[in-house]
């Protein structure tokens, strides 16, 4: 049976397209400026259909956060294919730098959304956005721990803070080279980290 003859498959495809569109449009326009019609247009779904899948804009924001979480899962899964934790962290930095043009226009996808949601008086969506960043911090901490480095969670905080900072500055200055320069500095920093000598 083809997808065109299967209403369940068509519905799942529409929901998937709306979720992906929500993540992209909210990243580019922000929550307050984005309408359900904007997301429907980006997903190529009639606007009236949006309400069948998502009753409110907050539900679409939650779907966008789920999309960010899925992207993080996919990135982590690909990084985990590398045998060396330091190489995993380096490739993570290179992935951030590869998105320098988007960062210069819009900032960090999850970070900017978390900041915007935090300014709202209602709901818990800001906490959900923070949970995605927390997962990245936890994963990075695990890599530093595997390298037997002291204070691995603090090192993870330094790394992710550097990413948020360089994304923010690249966006504020509209200068993707900020990402390139800071990415190079972070790679050098990673190379400089050495496990303590435990020989007697």
C-alpha atoms as a PDB file:
ATOM      1  CA  UNK A   1       0.000   0.000   0.000  1.00  0.00           C
ATOM      2  CA  UNK A   2       1.432   3.405  -0.962  1.00  0.00           C
ATOM      3  CA  UNK A   3       1.593   6.396   1.367  1.00  0.00           C
ATOM      4  CA  UNK A   4      -0.901   8.209  -0.871  1.00  0.00           C
ATOM      5  CA  UNK A   5      -3.448   5.452  -0.124  1.00  0.00           C
ATOM      6  CA  UNK A   6      -2.639   5.361   3.587  1.00  0.00           C
ATOM      7  CA  UNK A   7      -4.236   8.201   5.593  1.00  0.00           C
ATOM      8  CA  UNK A   8      -2.109   7.372   8.645  1.00  0.00           C
ATOM      9  CA  UNK A   9       1.118   7.744   6.665  1.00  0.00           C
ATOM     10  CA  UNK A  10      -0.090  11.019   5.132  1.00  0.00           C
ATOM     11  CA  UNK A  11      -0.992  12.363   8.571  1.00  0.00           C
ATOM     12  CA  UNK A  12       2.396  11.347   9.985  1.00  0.00           C
ATOM     13  CA  UNK A  13       4.125  13.054   7.053  1.00  0.00           C
ATOM     14  CA  UNK A  14       2.157  16.268   7.578  1.00  0.00           C
ATOM     15  CA  UNK A  15       2.970  16.277  11.283  1.00  0.00           C
ATOM     16  CA  UNK A  16       6.668  15.663  10.538  1.00  0.00           C
ATOM     17  CA  UNK A  17       6.723  18.516   7.989  1.00  0.00           C
ATOM     18  CA  UNK A  18       4.984  20.862  10.425  1.00  0.00           C
ATOM     19  CA  UNK A  19       7.428  19.970  13.206  1.00  0.00           C
ATOM     20  CA  UNK A  20      10.465  20.557  10.984  1.00  0.00           C
ATOM     21  CA  UNK A  21       8.971  23.806   9.676  1.00  0.00           C
ATOM     22  CA  UNK A  22       8.205  24.990  13.211  1.00  0.00           C
ATOM     23  CA  UNK A  23      11.815  24.440  14.252  1.00  0.00           C
ATOM     24  CA  UNK A  24      13.132  26.351  11.226  1.00  0.00           C
ATOM     25  CA  UNK A  25      10.659  29.247  11.194  1.00  0.00           C
ATOM     26  CA  UNK A  26      10.805  29.814  14.962  1.00  0.00           C
ATOM     27  CA  UNK A  27      14.605  29.855  14.712  1.00  0.00           C
ATOM     28  CA  UNK A  28      14.564  32.414  11.919  1.00  0.00           C
ATOM     29  CA  UNK A  29      11.694  34.639  13.118  1.00  0.00           C
ATOM     30  CA  UNK A  30      11.342  34.029  16.842  1.00  0.00           C
ATOM     31  CA  UNK A  31       8.261  32.928  18.731  1.00  0.00           C
ATOM     32  CA  UNK A  32       6.422  36.243  18.907  1.00  0.00           C
ATOM     33  CA  UNK A  33       6.784  37.103  15.209  1.00  0.00           C
ATOM     34  CA  UNK A  34       5.832  33.634  13.975  1.00  0.00           C
ATOM     35  CA  UNK A  35       2.241  32.777  13.129  1.00  0.00           C
ATOM     36  CA  UNK A  36       0.681  29.391  12.536  1.00  0.00           C
ATOM     37  CA  UNK A  37       0.190  30.514   8.926  1.00  0.00           C
ATOM     38  CA  UNK A  38       3.962  31.053   8.579  1.00  0.00           C
ATOM     39  CA  UNK A  39       4.618  27.494   9.727  1.00  0.00           C
ATOM     40  CA  UNK A  40       1.853  26.053   7.538  1.00  0.00           C
ATOM     41  CA  UNK A  41       3.313  27.854   4.505  1.00  0.00           C
ATOM     42  CA  UNK A  42       6.833  26.577   5.223  1.00  0.00           C
ATOM     43  CA  UNK A  43       5.493  23.034   5.649  1.00  0.00           C
ATOM     44  CA  UNK A  44       3.314  23.290   2.533  1.00  0.00           C
ATOM     45  CA  UNK A  45       0.274  22.344   4.601  1.00  0.00           C
ATOM     46  CA  UNK A  46      -3.085  24.194   4.466  1.00  0.00           C
ATOM     47  CA  UNK A  47      -3.281  26.471   7.497  1.00  0.00           C
ATOM     48  CA  UNK A  48      -6.596  24.947   8.552  1.00  0.00           C
ATOM     49  CA  UNK A  49      -4.872  21.571   8.890  1.00  0.00           C
ATOM     50  CA  UNK A  50      -2.394  22.896  11.443  1.00  0.00           C
ATOM     51  CA  UNK A  51      -5.051  22.910  14.170  1.00  0.00           C
ATOM     52  CA  UNK A  52      -5.684  19.206  13.613  1.00  0.00           C
ATOM     53  CA  UNK A  53      -2.106  18.459  14.746  1.00  0.00           C
ATOM     54  CA  UNK A  54      -1.304  21.404  17.027  1.00  0.00           C
ATOM     55  CA  UNK A  55      -4.016  23.294  18.896  1.00  0.00           C
ATOM     56  CA  UNK A  56      -1.838  26.218  19.995  1.00  0.00           C
ATOM     57  CA  UNK A  57       1.392  27.941  19.101  1.00  0.00           C
ATOM     58  CA  UNK A  58       2.884  26.602  22.339  1.00  0.00           C
ATOM     59  CA  UNK A  59       2.307  23.063  21.078  1.00  0.00           C
ATOM     60  CA  UNK A  60       4.242  23.978  17.936  1.00  0.00           C
ATOM     61  CA  UNK A  61       7.035  25.466  20.051  1.00  0.00           C
ATOM     62  CA  UNK A  62       7.153  22.209  22.015  1.00  0.00           C
ATOM     63  CA  UNK A  63       7.325  20.303  18.720  1.00  0.00           C
ATOM     64  CA  UNK A  64      10.184  22.553  17.586  1.00  0.00           C
ATOM     65  CA  UNK A  65      12.052  21.815  20.815  1.00  0.00           C
ATOM     66  CA  UNK A  66      11.511  18.119  20.162  1.00  0.00           C
ATOM     67  CA  UNK A  67      13.044  18.640  16.720  1.00  0.00           C
ATOM     68  CA  UNK A  68      16.088  20.349  18.269  1.00  0.00           C
ATOM     69  CA  UNK A  69      16.378  17.422  20.675  1.00  0.00           C
ATOM     70  CA  UNK A  70      16.219  14.964  17.773  1.00  0.00           C
ATOM     71  CA  UNK A  71      18.949  16.859  15.909  1.00  0.00           C
ATOM     72  CA  UNK A  72      21.097  16.742  19.035  1.00  0.00           C
ATOM     73  CA  UNK A  73      20.501  12.979  19.317  1.00  0.00           C
ATOM     74  CA  UNK A  74      21.551  12.519  15.689  1.00  0.00           C
ATOM     75  CA  UNK A  75      24.667  14.649  16.153  1.00  0.00           C
ATOM     76  CA  UNK A  76      25.667  12.796  19.318  1.00  0.00           C
ATOM     77  CA  UNK A  77      25.089   9.434  17.620  1.00  0.00           C
ATOM     78  CA  UNK A  78      27.414  10.431  14.779  1.00  0.00           C
ATOM     79  CA  UNK A  79      30.044  11.758  17.211  1.00  0.00           C
ATOM     80  CA  UNK A  80      29.902   8.537  19.209  1.00  0.00           C
ATOM     81  CA  UNK A  81      31.170   6.687  16.124  1.00  0.00           C
ATOM     82  CA  UNK A  82      34.562   8.296  16.777  1.00  0.00           C
ATOM     83  CA  UNK A  83      36.700   6.254  19.185  1.00  0.00           C
ATOM     84  CA  UNK A  84      38.469   9.160  20.905  1.00  0.00           C
ATOM     85  CA  UNK A  85      36.514  11.554  23.209  1.00  0.00           C
ATOM     86  CA  UNK A  86      38.782  14.482  22.322  1.00  0.00           C
ATOM     87  CA  UNK A  87      38.086  13.918  18.628  1.00  0.00           C
ATOM     88  CA  UNK A  88      34.358  13.827  19.379  1.00  0.00           C
ATOM     89  CA  UNK A  89      34.588  17.231  21.033  1.00  0.00           C
ATOM     90  CA  UNK A  90      36.669  18.606  18.162  1.00  0.00           C
ATOM     91  CA  UNK A  91      34.175  17.431  15.567  1.00  0.00           C
ATOM     92  CA  UNK A  92      31.392  18.998  17.659  1.00  0.00           C
ATOM     93  CA  UNK A  93      33.207  22.345  17.504  1.00  0.00           C
ATOM     94  CA  UNK A  94      33.741  21.941  13.765  1.00  0.00           C
ATOM     95  CA  UNK A  95      30.005  21.255  13.365  1.00  0.00           C
ATOM     96  CA  UNK A  96      29.235  24.494  15.224  1.00  0.00           C
ATOM     97  CA  UNK A  97      31.644  26.451  13.032  1.00  0.00           C
ATOM     98  CA  UNK A  98      30.189  24.913   9.861  1.00  0.00           C
ATOM     99  CA  UNK A  99      26.899  26.651  10.755  1.00  0.00           C
ATOM    100  CA  UNK A 100      28.573  30.040  11.148  1.00  0.00           C
ATOM    101  CA  UNK A 101      26.466  31.766   8.471  1.00  0.00           C
ATOM    102  CA  UNK A 102      23.205  30.707  10.146  1.00  0.00           C
ATOM    103  CA  UNK A 103      24.612  31.693  13.559  1.00  0.00           C
ATOM    104  CA  UNK A 104      25.517  35.139  12.237  1.00  0.00           C
ATOM    105  CA  UNK A 105      21.934  35.628  11.060  1.00  0.00           C
ATOM    106  CA  UNK A 106      19.960  33.957  13.842  1.00  0.00           C
ATOM    107  CA  UNK A 107      22.229  32.842  16.718  1.00  0.00           C
ATOM    108  CA  UNK A 108      22.127  29.374  18.301  1.00  0.00           C
ATOM    109  CA  UNK A 109      18.836  27.576  17.493  1.00  0.00           C
ATOM    110  CA  UNK A 110      18.182  26.282  21.005  1.00  0.00           C
ATOM    111  CA  UNK A 111      19.927  29.070  22.922  1.00  0.00           C
ATOM    112  CA  UNK A 112      17.992  31.903  21.260  1.00  0.00           C
ATOM    113  CA  UNK A 113      14.731  30.026  21.747  1.00  0.00           C
ATOM    114  CA  UNK A 114      15.509  29.435  25.432  1.00  0.00           C
ATOM    115  CA  UNK A 115      16.228  33.145  25.966  1.00  0.00           C
ATOM    116  CA  UNK A 116      13.061  34.233  24.183  1.00  0.00           C
ATOM    117  CA  UNK A 117      10.881  31.735  26.048  1.00  0.00           C
ATOM    118  CA  UNK A 118      12.365  32.808  29.379  1.00  0.00           C
ATOM    119  CA  UNK A 119      10.948  36.307  28.857  1.00  0.00           C
ATOM    120  CA  UNK A 120       7.405  34.981  28.708  1.00  0.00           C
ATOM    121  CA  UNK A 121       5.402  35.048  31.926  1.00  0.00           C
ATOM    122  CA  UNK A 122       3.502  31.841  31.228  1.00  0.00           C
ATOM    123  CA  UNK A 123       4.324  28.186  30.742  1.00  0.00           C
ATOM    124  CA  UNK A 124       7.329  25.963  31.203  1.00  0.00           C
ATOM    125  CA  UNK A 125       8.673  25.944  27.663  1.00  0.00           C
ATOM    126  CA  UNK A 126      11.827  27.790  28.748  1.00  0.00           C
ATOM    127  CA  UNK A 127      12.614  24.875  31.081  1.00  0.00           C
ATOM    128  CA  UNK A 128      12.129  22.432  28.203  1.00  0.00           C
ATOM    129  CA  UNK A 129      14.531  24.460  26.046  1.00  0.00           C
ATOM    130  CA  UNK A 130      17.028  24.461  28.896  1.00  0.00           C
ATOM    131  CA  UNK A 131      16.728  20.667  29.115  1.00  0.00           C
ATOM    132  CA  UNK A 132      18.057  20.314  25.556  1.00  0.00           C
ATOM    133  CA  UNK A 133      21.102  22.417  26.489  1.00  0.00           C
ATOM    134  CA  UNK A 134      21.502  20.393  29.694  1.00  0.00           C
ATOM    135  CA  UNK A 135      21.721  17.195  27.624  1.00  0.00           C
ATOM    136  CA  UNK A 136      24.544  18.719  25.574  1.00  0.00           C
ATOM    137  CA  UNK A 137      26.340  19.735  28.769  1.00  0.00           C
ATOM    138  CA  UNK A 138      25.947  16.240  30.214  1.00  0.00           C
ATOM    139  CA  UNK A 139      27.287  14.616  27.051  1.00  0.00           C
ATOM    140  CA  UNK A 140      30.279  16.988  26.899  1.00  0.00           C
ATOM    141  CA  UNK A 141      30.979  16.342  30.590  1.00  0.00           C
ATOM    142  CA  UNK A 142      31.030  12.627  29.865  1.00  0.00           C
ATOM    143  CA  UNK A 143      33.669  13.196  27.157  1.00  0.00           C
ATOM    144  CA  UNK A 144      35.913  15.187  29.489  1.00  0.00           C
ATOM    145  CA  UNK A 145      35.424  12.498  32.155  1.00  0.00           C
ATOM    146  CA  UNK A 146      36.488   9.814  29.653  1.00  0.00           C
ATOM    147  CA  UNK A 147      39.664  11.838  29.071  1.00  0.00           C
ATOM    148  CA  UNK A 148      40.347  11.630  32.832  1.00  0.00           C
ATOM    149  CA  UNK A 149      40.429  15.419  33.069  1.00  0.00           C
ATOM    150  CA  UNK A 150      39.741  17.142  36.397  1.00  0.00           C
ATOM    151  CA  UNK A 151      36.470  19.044  36.821  1.00  0.00           C
ATOM    152  CA  UNK A 152      34.832  17.542  33.699  1.00  0.00           C
ATOM    153  CA  UNK A 153      31.465  19.214  34.291  1.00  0.00           C
ATOM    154  CA  UNK A 154      33.138  22.619  34.612  1.00  0.00           C
ATOM    155  CA  UNK A 155      35.034  21.990  31.384  1.00  0.00           C
ATOM    156  CA  UNK A 156      31.736  21.107  29.686  1.00  0.00           C
ATOM    157  CA  UNK A 157      30.261  24.353  30.975  1.00  0.00           C
ATOM    158  CA  UNK A 158      33.240  26.293  29.584  1.00  0.00           C
ATOM    159  CA  UNK A 159      32.851  24.622  26.185  1.00  0.00           C
ATOM    160  CA  UNK A 160      29.095  25.118  25.832  1.00  0.00           C
ATOM    161  CA  UNK A 161      29.305  28.665  27.236  1.00  0.00           C
ATOM    162  CA  UNK A 162      31.940  29.457  24.616  1.00  0.00           C
ATOM    163  CA  UNK A 163      29.605  28.162  21.908  1.00  0.00           C
ATOM    164  CA  UNK A 164      26.684  30.221  23.191  1.00  0.00           C
ATOM    165  CA  UNK A 165      28.908  33.285  23.476  1.00  0.00           C
ATOM    166  CA  UNK A 166      30.377  33.017  20.009  1.00  0.00           C
ATOM    167  CA  UNK A 167      26.920  32.372  18.512  1.00  0.00           C
ATOM    168  CA  UNK A 168      25.551  35.443  20.281  1.00  0.00           C
ATOM    169  CA  UNK A 169      28.444  37.671  19.181  1.00  0.00           C
ATOM    170  CA  UNK A 170      28.395  36.375  15.609  1.00  0.00           C
ATOM    171  CA  UNK A 171      24.687  37.227  15.528  1.00  0.00           C
ATOM    172  CA  UNK A 172      25.025  40.607  17.227  1.00  0.00           C
ATOM    173  CA  UNK A 173      27.915  41.637  14.978  1.00  0.00           C
ATOM    174  CA  UNK A 174      26.532  39.851  11.894  1.00  0.00           C
ATOM    175  CA  UNK A 175      30.009  38.385  11.499  1.00  0.00           C
ATOM    176  CA  UNK A 176      30.375  34.646  10.826  1.00  0.00           C
ATOM    177  CA  UNK A 177      34.154  34.980  11.216  1.00  0.00           C
ATOM    178  CA  UNK A 178      33.583  35.254  14.973  1.00  0.00           C
ATOM    179  CA  UNK A 179      32.592  31.575  14.883  1.00  0.00           C
ATOM    180  CA  UNK A 180      35.665  30.643  12.849  1.00  0.00           C
ATOM    181  CA  UNK A 181      38.109  32.476  15.118  1.00  0.00           C
ATOM    182  CA  UNK A 182      36.563  31.291  18.356  1.00  0.00           C
ATOM    183  CA  UNK A 183      36.233  27.755  17.002  1.00  0.00           C
ATOM    184  CA  UNK A 184      39.970  27.721  16.257  1.00  0.00           C
ATOM    185  CA  UNK A 185      40.662  28.983  19.785  1.00  0.00           C
ATOM    186  CA  UNK A 186      38.458  26.261  21.289  1.00  0.00           C
ATOM    187  CA  UNK A 187      40.246  23.552  19.295  1.00  0.00           C
ATOM    188  CA  UNK A 188      43.566  24.831  20.633  1.00  0.00           C
ATOM    189  CA  UNK A 189      42.144  24.876  24.157  1.00  0.00           C
ATOM    190  CA  UNK A 190      41.037  21.251  23.820  1.00  0.00           C
ATOM    191  CA  UNK A 191      44.525  20.240  22.669  1.00  0.00           C
ATOM    192  CA  UNK A 192      46.037  21.999  25.677  1.00  0.00           C
ATOM    193  CA  UNK A 193      44.020  20.008  28.230  1.00  0.00           C
ATOM    194  CA  UNK A 194      46.077  17.228  29.782  1.00  0.00           C
ATOM    195  CA  UNK A 195      45.118  14.612  32.320  1.00  0.00           C
ATOM    196  CA  UNK A 196      47.093  14.956  35.585  1.00  0.00           C
ATOM    197  CA  UNK A 197      50.210  12.814  35.922  1.00  0.00           C
ATOM    198  CA  UNK A 198      49.387  10.131  38.485  1.00  0.00           C
ATOM    199  CA  UNK A 199      52.777   8.419  38.437  1.00  0.00           C
ATOM    200  CA  UNK A 200      54.393   8.024  41.910  1.00  0.00           C
END
